[in-house]
């Protein structure tokens, strides 16, 4: 009888130890899953979609300034030799995500036109439209993670940024009643090979833009 009780006790003890081991293993697995999930959440901060949403939101925050400055063009009498208006975006240091836009009065041979007369009410030359637009911000101190993401997706991001800039300028141009200005108007990134036609709302090549 004592022997049977001892055997039963041993079986119960082994069962309890087994359950405890299983619980410990389950807790460890759950802990590992949580760590993996947290890592995935951190990485998900850097996706093409989330990055571009940040860019679009930061541009939108500066829309009123750009719209107001484009509206100022309606007050000018533009020099008769000006054949198109060229809005050029400059990103001096891509790592700073800082955008500035200048409008140049141009002829069709890609030359900037200046006012050759003495009448100061006649405009020709260049006008700063907006400066120092910070179009995205790094999240926290995760700069290494961000640049790893950016370098892996650089080509796709550059194209998406370019389109976002053009869409933003075109939208501000429309809201500022830019279509009332009779001259052709374009937006481009400095030294890029194509421009966005603000009148026709489409990309055009340099050959289409200039008649050289």
Protein backbone atom coordinates (compact mmCIF):
# COMPACT_ATOMS: atom_id res chain seq x y z
CA UNK A 1 0.00 0.00 0.00
CA UNK A 2 2.78 2.36 0.92
CA UNK A 3 4.56 1.42 -2.28
CA UNK A 4 1.45 2.21 -4.36
CA UNK A 5 1.06 5.58 -2.63
CA UNK A 6 4.69 6.39 -3.31
CA UNK A 7 4.30 5.53 -6.99
CA UNK A 8 1.14 7.68 -7.23
CA UNK A 9 2.92 10.58 -5.51
CA UNK A 10 5.82 10.29 -7.95
CA UNK A 11 3.44 10.35 -10.92
CA UNK A 12 1.68 13.47 -9.57
CA UNK A 13 5.01 15.18 -8.92
CA UNK A 14 6.24 14.45 -12.43
CA UNK A 15 2.96 15.79 -13.81
CA UNK A 16 3.28 19.02 -11.86
CA UNK A 17 6.89 19.46 -12.96
CA UNK A 18 5.87 18.85 -16.56
CA UNK A 19 3.11 21.46 -16.38
CA UNK A 20 5.49 23.98 -14.83
CA UNK A 21 8.04 23.36 -17.60
CA UNK A 22 5.34 23.76 -20.23
CA UNK A 23 4.14 27.03 -18.66
CA UNK A 24 7.70 28.34 -18.58
CA UNK A 25 8.18 27.44 -22.23
CA UNK A 26 4.90 29.09 -23.18
CA UNK A 27 5.85 32.28 -21.32
CA UNK A 28 9.20 32.32 -23.11
CA UNK A 29 7.47 31.83 -26.49
CA UNK A 30 5.01 34.62 -25.74
CA UNK A 31 7.88 36.88 -24.69
CA UNK A 32 9.76 36.11 -27.91
CA UNK A 33 6.60 36.81 -29.95
CA UNK A 34 6.21 40.17 -28.18
CA UNK A 35 9.80 41.14 -28.98
CA UNK A 36 9.34 40.18 -32.64
CA UNK A 37 6.09 42.14 -32.78
CA UNK A 38 7.74 45.23 -31.25
CA UNK A 39 10.60 44.97 -33.77
CA UNK A 40 8.09 44.74 -36.61
CA UNK A 41 6.22 47.80 -35.28
CA UNK A 42 9.44 49.82 -35.19
CA UNK A 43 10.34 48.77 -38.73
CA UNK A 44 6.80 49.52 -39.93
CA UNK A 45 7.40 53.17 -39.13
CA UNK A 46 9.62 53.17 -42.21
CA UNK A 47 7.60 52.06 -45.20
CA UNK A 48 7.25 53.85 -48.52
CA UNK A 49 3.59 54.60 -47.77
CA UNK A 50 4.19 55.93 -44.26
CA UNK A 51 7.16 58.00 -45.43
CA UNK A 52 5.19 59.55 -48.31
CA UNK A 53 2.29 60.29 -46.00
CA UNK A 54 4.72 62.26 -43.84
CA UNK A 55 6.00 64.15 -46.90
CA UNK A 56 2.50 65.03 -48.10
CA UNK A 57 1.39 66.18 -44.65
CA UNK A 58 4.43 68.41 -44.21
CA UNK A 59 3.95 69.97 -47.65
CA UNK A 60 0.25 70.54 -46.99
CA UNK A 61 1.14 72.43 -43.81
CA UNK A 62 2.92 75.02 -45.98
CA UNK A 63 0.23 75.30 -48.66
CA UNK A 64 -1.24 78.60 -47.48
CA UNK A 65 2.13 80.30 -47.75
CA UNK A 66 2.73 79.06 -51.28
CA UNK A 67 -0.82 79.87 -52.39
CA UNK A 68 -0.50 83.40 -51.00
CA UNK A 69 2.80 83.97 -52.81
CA UNK A 70 1.46 82.66 -56.12
CA UNK A 71 -1.51 85.02 -55.79
CA UNK A 72 0.94 87.92 -55.68
CA UNK A 73 1.77 87.22 -59.33
CA UNK A 74 -1.64 88.55 -60.33
CA UNK A 75 -0.49 92.01 -59.24
CA UNK A 76 2.42 92.12 -61.71
CA UNK A 77 2.54 93.29 -65.29
CA UNK A 78 4.92 90.76 -66.78
CA UNK A 79 7.49 91.89 -69.33
CA UNK A 80 6.39 91.20 -72.91
CA UNK A 81 9.52 89.17 -73.73
CA UNK A 82 8.76 86.61 -71.01
CA UNK A 83 7.41 83.45 -72.67
CA UNK A 84 6.93 81.12 -69.71
CA UNK A 85 7.12 80.94 -65.93
CA UNK A 86 9.40 78.30 -64.48
CA UNK A 87 8.93 77.23 -60.85
CA UNK A 88 12.12 75.45 -59.81
CA UNK A 89 12.55 73.46 -56.60
CA UNK A 90 15.97 73.34 -54.96
CA UNK A 91 16.96 70.63 -52.48
CA UNK A 92 20.49 71.67 -51.55
CA UNK A 93 21.07 68.90 -49.03
CA UNK A 94 18.74 65.87 -49.41
CA UNK A 95 19.71 64.65 -45.92
CA UNK A 96 18.05 67.77 -44.48
CA UNK A 97 14.77 67.26 -46.40
CA UNK A 98 14.62 71.00 -47.04
CA UNK A 99 12.88 72.40 -50.12
CA UNK A 100 12.84 75.92 -51.58
CA UNK A 101 11.06 77.11 -54.74
CA UNK A 102 11.99 80.04 -56.97
CA UNK A 103 10.03 81.25 -59.99
CA UNK A 104 12.01 82.39 -63.03
CA UNK A 105 10.71 84.35 -66.02
CA UNK A 106 12.06 82.62 -69.13
CA UNK A 107 12.02 82.66 -72.92
CA UNK A 108 11.55 79.53 -75.04
CA UNK A 109 15.28 79.13 -75.51
CA UNK A 110 15.72 78.42 -71.79
CA UNK A 111 17.16 81.85 -71.05
CA UNK A 112 16.08 83.91 -68.06
CA UNK A 113 14.49 87.19 -69.10
CA UNK A 114 15.19 90.43 -67.24
CA UNK A 115 13.44 93.79 -67.41
CA UNK A 116 15.46 95.87 -69.85
CA UNK A 117 13.44 99.02 -69.34
CA UNK A 118 13.22 101.54 -66.51
CA UNK A 119 9.60 100.91 -65.63
CA UNK A 120 9.68 99.21 -62.23
CA UNK A 121 6.04 98.15 -62.55
CA UNK A 122 7.03 95.73 -65.33
CA UNK A 123 8.23 92.43 -63.90
CA UNK A 124 10.92 90.10 -65.21
CA UNK A 125 13.50 88.08 -63.34
CA UNK A 126 13.04 85.76 -60.39
CA UNK A 127 10.86 85.59 -57.30
CA UNK A 128 11.25 83.39 -54.25
CA UNK A 129 8.00 81.50 -53.81
CA UNK A 130 8.76 79.62 -50.59
CA UNK A 131 11.84 78.70 -48.58
CA UNK A 132 12.98 76.06 -46.12
CA UNK A 133 10.04 73.69 -46.38
CA UNK A 134 11.01 70.73 -44.19
CA UNK A 135 9.13 67.98 -45.96
CA UNK A 136 9.80 65.17 -43.49
CA UNK A 137 11.29 64.61 -40.06
CA UNK A 138 13.22 61.69 -38.66
CA UNK A 139 11.36 59.69 -36.02
CA UNK A 140 13.07 59.82 -32.65
CA UNK A 141 16.69 58.78 -32.60
CA UNK A 142 16.29 55.94 -35.07
CA UNK A 143 18.41 57.59 -37.74
CA UNK A 144 20.35 54.43 -38.60
CA UNK A 145 17.13 52.50 -39.18
CA UNK A 146 15.74 55.31 -41.30
CA UNK A 147 18.77 55.65 -43.58
CA UNK A 148 18.91 51.89 -43.99
CA UNK A 149 15.27 52.01 -45.15
CA UNK A 150 15.88 55.05 -47.37
CA UNK A 151 18.92 53.61 -49.12
CA UNK A 152 17.10 50.33 -49.84
CA UNK A 153 14.15 52.22 -51.38
CA UNK A 154 15.94 55.31 -52.72
CA UNK A 155 14.88 55.04 -56.36
CA UNK A 156 11.21 54.52 -55.52
CA UNK A 157 11.27 57.26 -52.89
CA UNK A 158 12.91 59.80 -55.20
CA UNK A 159 10.22 59.28 -57.83
CA UNK A 160 7.47 59.46 -55.21
CA UNK A 161 8.93 62.64 -53.70
CA UNK A 162 9.16 64.26 -57.12
CA UNK A 163 5.52 63.48 -57.86
CA UNK A 164 4.44 64.69 -54.42
CA UNK A 165 6.23 68.02 -54.94
CA UNK A 166 4.63 68.48 -58.37
CA UNK A 167 1.17 67.56 -57.12
CA UNK A 168 1.50 69.98 -54.22
CA UNK A 169 2.65 72.90 -56.39
CA UNK A 170 -0.04 72.17 -58.98
CA UNK A 171 -2.71 72.12 -56.28
CA UNK A 172 -1.49 75.43 -54.82
CA UNK A 173 -1.29 76.90 -58.34
CA UNK A 174 -4.91 75.95 -58.96
CA UNK A 175 -6.10 77.34 -55.60
CA UNK A 176 -4.24 80.60 -56.30
CA UNK A 177 -6.09 80.88 -59.65
CA UNK A 178 -2.84 80.43 -61.51
CA UNK A 179 -4.74 79.40 -64.63
CA UNK A 180 -5.79 83.04 -65.01
CA UNK A 181 -2.17 83.85 -65.87
CA UNK A 182 -1.97 83.50 -69.64
CA UNK A 183 1.68 82.43 -69.82
CA UNK A 184 2.66 78.74 -69.80
CA UNK A 185 3.88 77.66 -66.37
CA UNK A 186 5.99 74.69 -65.30
CA UNK A 187 7.35 73.10 -62.15
CA UNK A 188 10.61 71.14 -62.01
CA UNK A 189 13.36 69.99 -59.72
CA UNK A 190 16.62 71.80 -60.36
CA UNK A 191 18.66 70.09 -63.08
CA UNK A 192 15.95 67.50 -63.74
CA UNK A 193 15.25 66.31 -67.29
CA UNK A 194 11.48 66.89 -67.25
CA UNK A 195 8.96 69.41 -65.95
CA UNK A 196 5.37 69.35 -64.80
CA UNK A 197 3.10 71.47 -66.98
CA UNK A 198 0.89 73.36 -64.51
CA UNK A 199 -1.59 74.27 -67.25
CA UNK A 200 -2.03 70.77 -68.68
CA UNK A 201 -1.33 68.92 -65.43
CA UNK A 202 1.19 66.51 -66.97
CA UNK A 203 4.91 65.82 -67.19
CA UNK A 204 6.77 67.03 -70.28
CA UNK A 205 10.34 66.58 -71.49
CA UNK A 206 12.80 69.43 -71.94
CA UNK A 207 12.36 69.14 -75.71
CA UNK A 208 8.64 69.80 -75.30
CA UNK A 209 9.20 72.64 -72.85
CA UNK A 210 11.91 74.54 -74.71
CA UNK A 211 12.13 75.24 -78.41
CA UNK A 212 15.90 75.81 -78.31
